[in-house]
């Protein structure tokens, strides 16, 4: 009798044999992928207890930081409204009379979109002046911040915030049209946080954006008062997981405060300037510095690029040039300023022939 050769099993054969033996074991229960899990799973000795939501909230802890409220997050002076020209007087009077719906529109970035402070402010105003002008409905992060008016006299507080917005990105025709469509008595403007997040932040560019933004908004809402708020302190990413205080925020705050102060001063002077124009009937007006040139010539006027050029508006020639204070800081521009006034003299001889008397 010939010796039998030993049987060789491949790996596939071994697995088939394993499953045959497994299926023949006593107590085997057939299961399918769709079967539900047991209601009482075996106790896991390695896991901790499962807490309810209320108990879990008690166990939660905030991440500890060295200084939860850094000095740069704090205002060095009390929060107040600066209105040296009384631009808000008409709004205060409307609020006192309250003989119609008095509308506030609060626009801004995610600080406004989050509805935390604006919604608290809305409810506080409704508590003081009555809530009959709007439908009482909660506002959440997922809902619209626009109030539903009832047509009754009272306070109406609309909230329009866009995540990541700057004053420049908010200035779309659609957004400005939406604001104007609400017929606001007061527009609260709250931007600055996202401007400060820009690594190449430029105060001059930010100021130009503010000028353009408010010019467009005032043209669409000529009867509205405006209140500009400065951004709070903020953290920014540092590396993959780290965070650091955004040191550009104070620069943004200072830019916005200077813009507001210069705008208020300009608004206060305009009635006097218009009266002087009426009395003197000038043929040529020289604007010293960017602020004057942007107000009188064009909102995006650049002194460094357009100084010495003449622009005609309403039968009057306007020229922008360097401000004397700017020449003290940058004396290298003095020759250019001298050339501007030399060219201006030639234009005066042409336009105002009676100015220089020649024998």
Protein backbone atom coordinates (compact mmCIF):
# COMPACT_ATOMS: atom_id res chain seq x y z
CA UNK A 1 0.00 0.00 0.00
CA UNK A 2 1.36 3.29 -1.01
CA UNK A 3 1.81 5.95 1.67
CA UNK A 4 -0.78 8.78 1.50
CA UNK A 5 0.57 12.19 0.77
CA UNK A 6 0.04 14.80 3.48
CA UNK A 7 -2.85 17.18 2.70
CA UNK A 8 -1.88 20.78 2.10
CA UNK A 9 -4.30 23.59 2.90
CA UNK A 10 -4.05 27.05 1.51
CA UNK A 11 -4.81 30.08 3.68
CA UNK A 12 -8.23 30.30 2.02
CA UNK A 13 -8.91 26.68 2.92
CA UNK A 14 -7.92 27.23 6.53
CA UNK A 15 -10.39 30.13 6.87
CA UNK A 16 -13.18 28.01 5.29
CA UNK A 17 -12.50 25.26 7.80
CA UNK A 18 -12.50 27.76 10.64
CA UNK A 19 -15.93 29.12 9.73
CA UNK A 20 -17.35 25.54 9.35
CA UNK A 21 -16.17 24.62 12.85
CA UNK A 22 -17.44 27.95 14.23
CA UNK A 23 -20.92 27.49 12.78
CA UNK A 24 -21.15 23.99 14.25
CA UNK A 25 -20.39 25.11 17.78
CA UNK A 26 -23.32 24.73 20.21
CA UNK A 27 -25.11 27.92 21.22
CA UNK A 28 -24.19 29.80 18.00
CA UNK A 29 -26.82 32.33 17.10
CA UNK A 30 -27.16 33.70 13.60
CA UNK A 31 -26.86 37.52 13.42
CA UNK A 32 -27.26 40.03 10.64
CA UNK A 33 -25.83 43.49 10.19
CA UNK A 34 -29.29 45.01 10.55
CA UNK A 35 -29.97 43.47 13.96
CA UNK A 36 -30.41 46.00 16.75
CA UNK A 37 -27.88 46.19 19.52
CA UNK A 38 -28.91 44.76 22.89
CA UNK A 39 -30.75 47.21 25.14
CA UNK A 40 -28.49 46.34 28.06
CA UNK A 41 -24.91 46.05 26.80
CA UNK A 42 -22.38 44.32 29.03
CA UNK A 43 -20.98 46.49 31.78
CA UNK A 44 -17.68 48.07 30.82
CA UNK A 45 -15.46 48.19 33.88
CA UNK A 46 -12.97 50.47 32.13
CA UNK A 47 -15.39 53.32 31.36
CA UNK A 48 -16.49 56.09 33.66
CA UNK A 49 -20.09 56.94 34.56
CA UNK A 50 -22.37 58.59 32.01
CA UNK A 51 -23.80 61.88 33.31
CA UNK A 52 -26.97 63.65 32.31
CA UNK A 53 -26.78 66.99 30.51
CA UNK A 54 -27.39 69.01 33.67
CA UNK A 55 -24.74 67.11 35.61
CA UNK A 56 -22.33 67.39 32.70
CA UNK A 57 -22.71 71.17 32.67
CA UNK A 58 -21.75 71.25 36.35
CA UNK A 59 -18.61 69.24 35.59
CA UNK A 60 -17.53 71.44 32.68
CA UNK A 61 -14.66 73.80 33.28
CA UNK A 62 -13.40 76.74 31.27
CA UNK A 63 -9.88 76.58 29.93
CA UNK A 64 -7.66 78.37 32.39
CA UNK A 65 -5.61 81.27 31.06
CA UNK A 66 -3.13 83.50 32.81
CA UNK A 67 -5.24 86.62 32.27
CA UNK A 68 -8.89 86.10 31.24
CA UNK A 69 -9.30 89.84 30.65
CA UNK A 70 -6.02 91.26 29.29
CA UNK A 71 -5.40 94.98 29.56
CA UNK A 72 -5.71 95.37 25.78
CA UNK A 73 -9.26 93.98 26.02
CA UNK A 74 -10.30 96.67 28.49
CA UNK A 75 -11.37 100.15 27.61
CA UNK A 76 -9.12 102.71 29.27
CA UNK A 77 -12.11 104.98 29.77
CA UNK A 78 -15.77 104.48 30.50
CA UNK A 79 -18.07 103.54 27.66
CA UNK A 80 -19.86 106.63 26.46
CA UNK A 81 -21.33 108.26 23.38
CA UNK A 82 -19.32 111.22 22.07
CA UNK A 83 -21.51 113.58 20.05
CA UNK A 84 -19.91 117.06 20.10
CA UNK A 85 -21.99 118.33 17.17
CA UNK A 86 -25.35 117.07 18.45
CA UNK A 87 -25.91 114.84 15.42
CA UNK A 88 -28.06 112.51 17.55
CA UNK A 89 -30.38 115.23 18.87
CA UNK A 90 -33.06 114.58 16.26
CA UNK A 91 -33.05 110.89 17.17
CA UNK A 92 -33.36 111.62 20.90
CA UNK A 93 -36.29 113.92 20.19
CA UNK A 94 -38.01 111.23 18.12
CA UNK A 95 -37.45 108.78 20.95
CA UNK A 96 -39.05 111.17 23.42
CA UNK A 97 -42.12 111.78 21.29
CA UNK A 98 -42.47 108.15 20.17
CA UNK A 99 -45.49 109.08 18.07
CA UNK A 100 -44.49 106.67 15.31
CA UNK A 101 -42.22 103.64 14.85
CA UNK A 102 -38.68 104.81 15.67
CA UNK A 103 -36.29 102.46 13.91
CA UNK A 104 -32.74 101.49 14.85
CA UNK A 105 -30.70 99.38 12.42
CA UNK A 106 -27.59 97.76 13.89
CA UNK A 107 -25.16 96.53 11.22
CA UNK A 108 -21.78 94.86 11.62
CA UNK A 109 -19.80 91.63 11.69
CA UNK A 110 -20.22 88.41 13.69
CA UNK A 111 -20.42 90.36 16.95
CA UNK A 112 -23.72 91.68 15.62
CA UNK A 113 -24.68 88.49 13.80
CA UNK A 114 -24.37 86.55 17.04
CA UNK A 115 -27.29 88.65 18.38
CA UNK A 116 -25.95 88.51 21.95
CA UNK A 117 -25.40 92.18 22.75
CA UNK A 118 -27.78 93.59 20.09
CA UNK A 119 -30.64 91.35 21.26
CA UNK A 120 -30.06 92.32 24.90
CA UNK A 121 -30.05 95.95 23.81
CA UNK A 122 -33.27 95.45 21.87
CA UNK A 123 -35.04 93.90 24.84
CA UNK A 124 -33.76 96.64 27.17
CA UNK A 125 -35.11 99.37 24.87
CA UNK A 126 -38.42 97.57 24.53
CA UNK A 127 -38.63 97.35 28.31
CA UNK A 128 -38.11 101.11 28.62
CA UNK A 129 -40.10 102.34 25.63
CA UNK A 130 -42.60 99.55 25.04
CA UNK A 131 -42.64 96.49 22.80
CA UNK A 132 -45.92 97.11 20.97
CA UNK A 133 -44.16 98.12 17.74
CA UNK A 134 -42.79 94.62 17.07
CA UNK A 135 -43.93 91.02 17.25
CA UNK A 136 -42.49 89.24 20.28
CA UNK A 137 -40.36 86.48 18.79
CA UNK A 138 -37.01 85.10 19.97
CA UNK A 139 -33.85 85.81 18.01
CA UNK A 140 -31.16 83.15 17.74
CA UNK A 141 -27.93 82.76 15.82
CA UNK A 142 -29.79 80.75 13.17
CA UNK A 143 -32.66 83.21 12.75
CA UNK A 144 -32.94 86.61 11.14
CA UNK A 145 -32.31 89.62 13.33
CA UNK A 146 -34.87 91.75 11.52
CA UNK A 147 -37.82 92.69 13.70
CA UNK A 148 -41.37 92.10 12.50
CA UNK A 149 -43.18 95.41 12.81
CA UNK A 150 -46.81 95.73 13.85
CA UNK A 151 -47.31 99.28 12.60
CA UNK A 152 -47.87 100.59 16.12
CA UNK A 153 -45.80 103.48 17.48
CA UNK A 154 -42.77 102.41 19.49
CA UNK A 155 -39.15 101.30 19.29
CA UNK A 156 -38.00 98.98 16.48
CA UNK A 157 -34.50 97.44 16.66
CA UNK A 158 -33.29 95.63 13.53
CA UNK A 159 -30.11 93.52 13.61
CA UNK A 160 -28.07 92.93 10.43
CA UNK A 161 -24.73 91.18 10.97
CA UNK A 162 -22.56 89.21 8.53
CA UNK A 163 -19.87 86.79 9.69
CA UNK A 164 -16.39 87.95 8.68
CA UNK A 165 -17.65 91.29 7.36
CA UNK A 166 -15.67 94.50 7.15
CA UNK A 167 -17.11 97.90 6.31
CA UNK A 168 -15.72 97.44 2.79
CA UNK A 169 -17.19 93.97 2.20
CA UNK A 170 -20.54 95.02 3.67
CA UNK A 171 -20.79 97.93 1.19
CA UNK A 172 -22.57 96.01 -1.55
CA UNK A 173 -25.55 97.56 -3.34
CA UNK A 174 -27.75 94.76 -1.98
CA UNK A 175 -26.79 95.35 1.65
CA UNK A 176 -27.02 99.13 1.42
CA UNK A 177 -30.40 98.84 -0.30
CA UNK A 178 -31.61 96.53 2.47
CA UNK A 179 -30.54 99.00 5.16
CA UNK A 180 -32.17 101.93 3.39
CA UNK A 181 -35.35 99.91 2.88
CA UNK A 182 -35.84 99.73 6.65
CA UNK A 183 -36.14 103.55 6.81
CA UNK A 184 -33.85 103.89 9.87
CA UNK A 185 -33.78 106.82 12.26
CA UNK A 186 -30.47 105.62 13.72
CA UNK A 187 -27.84 103.35 12.16
CA UNK A 188 -25.35 101.73 14.55
CA UNK A 189 -22.18 100.64 12.74
CA UNK A 190 -20.02 97.96 14.42
CA UNK A 191 -17.03 96.82 12.34
CA UNK A 192 -13.30 96.62 12.99
CA UNK A 193 -12.57 93.13 14.33
CA UNK A 194 -12.02 91.61 10.88
CA UNK A 195 -10.10 94.65 9.67
CA UNK A 196 -7.71 94.02 12.58
CA UNK A 197 -7.26 90.39 11.50
CA UNK A 198 -5.65 91.53 8.26
CA UNK A 199 -1.88 91.05 8.50
CA UNK A 200 -1.24 93.97 6.15
CA UNK A 201 -3.61 96.34 7.93
CA UNK A 202 -3.31 99.93 6.74
CA UNK A 203 -4.89 102.73 8.75
CA UNK A 204 -4.95 104.95 5.66
CA UNK A 205 -6.75 102.30 3.59
CA UNK A 206 -9.17 101.63 6.45
CA UNK A 207 -9.97 105.32 6.64
CA UNK A 208 -10.66 105.46 2.91
CA UNK A 209 -13.00 102.49 3.27
CA UNK A 210 -14.83 104.17 6.15
CA UNK A 211 -15.18 107.37 4.14
CA UNK A 212 -16.57 105.52 1.14
CA UNK A 213 -18.89 103.40 3.29
CA UNK A 214 -20.43 106.30 5.20
CA UNK A 215 -20.73 108.44 2.07
CA UNK A 216 -22.73 105.73 0.30
CA UNK A 217 -24.85 105.03 3.36
CA UNK A 218 -25.60 108.71 4.00
CA UNK A 219 -26.61 109.18 0.38
CA UNK A 220 -29.12 106.33 0.72
CA UNK A 221 -30.27 107.29 4.23
CA UNK A 222 -30.10 111.11 4.28
CA UNK A 223 -32.37 111.50 7.31
CA UNK A 224 -30.68 108.90 9.53
CA UNK A 225 -28.29 109.56 12.40
CA UNK A 226 -25.16 107.44 12.73
CA UNK A 227 -23.39 105.89 15.70
CA UNK A 228 -19.97 104.28 15.14
CA UNK A 229 -18.78 101.76 17.75
CA UNK A 230 -15.20 100.53 18.13
CA UNK A 231 -14.34 96.79 18.19
CA UNK A 232 -13.57 94.88 21.41
CA UNK A 233 -10.31 93.06 22.07
CA UNK A 234 -9.87 89.72 20.32
CA UNK A 235 -7.61 86.70 20.11
CA UNK A 236 -6.08 85.44 16.88
CA UNK A 237 -4.53 82.14 15.87
CA UNK A 238 -0.86 81.55 16.53
CA UNK A 239 0.36 78.31 15.02
CA UNK A 240 -1.93 75.32 14.66
CA UNK A 241 -3.60 75.39 18.06
CA UNK A 242 -2.21 78.40 19.87
CA UNK A 243 -3.88 81.77 20.34
CA UNK A 244 -2.46 85.20 20.98
CA UNK A 245 -3.92 88.66 21.55
CA UNK A 246 -4.45 90.62 18.34
CA UNK A 247 -2.20 93.64 18.78
CA UNK A 248 -3.68 95.38 15.72
CA UNK A 249 -7.07 95.96 17.36
CA UNK A 250 -5.94 99.12 19.23
CA UNK A 251 -4.75 100.59 15.91
CA UNK A 252 -8.17 99.93 14.39
CA UNK A 253 -9.87 101.54 17.39
CA UNK A 254 -7.69 104.63 17.08
CA UNK A 255 -8.37 104.87 13.33
CA UNK A 256 -12.12 104.71 13.86
CA UNK A 257 -12.04 107.25 16.71
CA UNK A 258 -10.01 109.71 14.63
CA UNK A 259 -12.33 109.18 11.67
CA UNK A 260 -15.37 109.88 13.84
CA UNK A 261 -13.77 112.98 15.39
CA UNK A 262 -12.71 114.39 12.02
CA UNK A 263 -16.11 113.66 10.52
CA UNK A 264 -17.87 115.38 13.42
CA UNK A 265 -15.61 118.42 13.10
CA UNK A 266 -16.20 118.53 9.36
CA UNK A 267 -19.97 118.30 9.80
CA UNK A 268 -19.87 121.14 12.34
CA UNK A 269 -17.90 123.38 9.98
CA UNK A 270 -19.90 122.73 6.81
CA UNK A 271 -22.76 125.19 7.50
CA UNK A 272 -20.24 127.99 8.08
CA UNK A 273 -18.28 127.03 4.98
CA UNK A 274 -21.40 127.00 2.79
CA UNK A 275 -22.30 130.46 4.04
CA UNK A 276 -18.80 131.69 3.24
CA UNK A 277 -19.09 130.24 -0.26
CA UNK A 278 -22.40 132.08 -0.69
CA UNK A 279 -20.94 135.40 0.38
CA UNK A 280 -17.52 135.23 -1.30
CA UNK A 281 -18.48 133.34 -4.48
CA UNK A 282 -14.94 131.97 -4.94
CA UNK A 283 -13.61 130.88 -8.32
CA UNK A 284 -10.73 128.77 -6.97
CA UNK A 285 -10.63 126.80 -3.70
CA UNK A 286 -7.45 125.19 -2.33
CA UNK A 287 -7.92 122.15 -0.07
CA UNK A 288 -5.03 121.67 2.34
CA UNK A 289 -4.66 118.00 3.21
CA UNK A 290 -6.50 114.76 2.53
CA UNK A 291 -9.51 115.37 4.79
CA UNK A 292 -10.43 118.66 3.15
CA UNK A 293 -9.78 117.33 -0.36
CA UNK A 294 -11.85 114.19 0.16
CA UNK A 295 -14.72 116.24 1.53
CA UNK A 296 -14.69 118.95 -1.13
CA UNK A 297 -13.31 117.23 -4.24
CA UNK A 298 -13.83 113.47 -4.14
CA UNK A 299 -14.17 110.88 -1.39
CA UNK A 300 -11.21 108.79 -2.65
CA UNK A 301 -8.95 111.75 -3.45
CA UNK A 302 -5.23 110.96 -2.98
CA UNK A 303 -3.04 113.94 -2.16
CA UNK A 304 0.18 112.10 -2.99
CA UNK A 305 -1.09 111.18 -6.47
CA UNK A 306 -3.38 114.09 -7.40
CA UNK A 307 -1.93 117.17 -5.70
CA UNK A 308 -1.77 120.28 -7.85
CA UNK A 309 -4.52 119.15 -10.26
CA UNK A 310 -7.59 121.33 -10.80
CA UNK A 311 -11.12 119.89 -10.64
CA UNK A 312 -14.25 121.81 -11.64
CA UNK A 313 -17.38 121.44 -9.48
CA UNK A 314 -20.37 123.73 -9.72
CA UNK A 315 -18.44 126.39 -11.60
CA UNK A 316 -15.63 126.44 -8.98
CA UNK A 317 -12.09 125.11 -9.47
CA UNK A 318 -10.75 122.97 -6.61
CA UNK A 319 -7.13 122.00 -6.00
CA UNK A 320 -5.80 119.64 -3.34
CA UNK A 321 -2.29 119.82 -1.96
CA UNK A 322 -0.25 118.85 1.09
CA UNK A 323 -1.28 120.02 4.55
CA UNK A 324 1.35 122.20 6.30
CA UNK A 325 1.52 119.71 9.18
CA UNK A 326 2.21 116.92 6.70
CA UNK A 327 5.08 118.94 5.23
CA UNK A 328 6.62 119.26 8.67
CA UNK A 329 6.52 115.48 9.03
CA UNK A 330 7.67 114.84 5.45
CA UNK A 331 9.83 117.81 4.33
CA UNK A 332 10.77 115.98 1.13
CA UNK A 333 7.32 116.96 -0.21
CA UNK A 334 7.97 120.70 0.14
CA UNK A 335 9.24 121.14 -3.45
CA UNK A 336 6.08 119.47 -4.80
CA UNK A 337 3.87 121.73 -2.68
CA UNK A 338 5.80 124.82 -3.85
CA UNK A 339 5.28 123.71 -7.45
CA UNK A 340 1.53 123.35 -6.79
CA UNK A 341 1.23 126.96 -5.64
CA UNK A 342 3.42 128.20 -8.50
CA UNK A 343 1.07 126.56 -10.97
CA UNK A 344 -1.89 127.91 -8.99
CA UNK A 345 -0.59 131.47 -9.47
CA UNK A 346 -0.63 131.01 -13.23
CA UNK A 347 -4.20 129.72 -13.08
CA UNK A 348 -5.27 132.66 -10.91
CA UNK A 349 -3.98 135.06 -13.56
CA UNK A 350 -6.08 133.23 -16.14
CA UNK A 351 -9.28 132.76 -14.15
CA UNK A 352 -9.23 135.88 -11.95
CA UNK A 353 -7.90 138.58 -14.22
CA UNK A 354 -8.66 141.36 -11.74
CA UNK A 355 -6.58 139.77 -8.93
CA UNK A 356 -3.19 140.92 -10.17
CA UNK A 357 -3.02 144.52 -11.40
CA UNK A 358 -0.27 145.15 -13.89
CA UNK A 359 0.92 148.69 -14.64
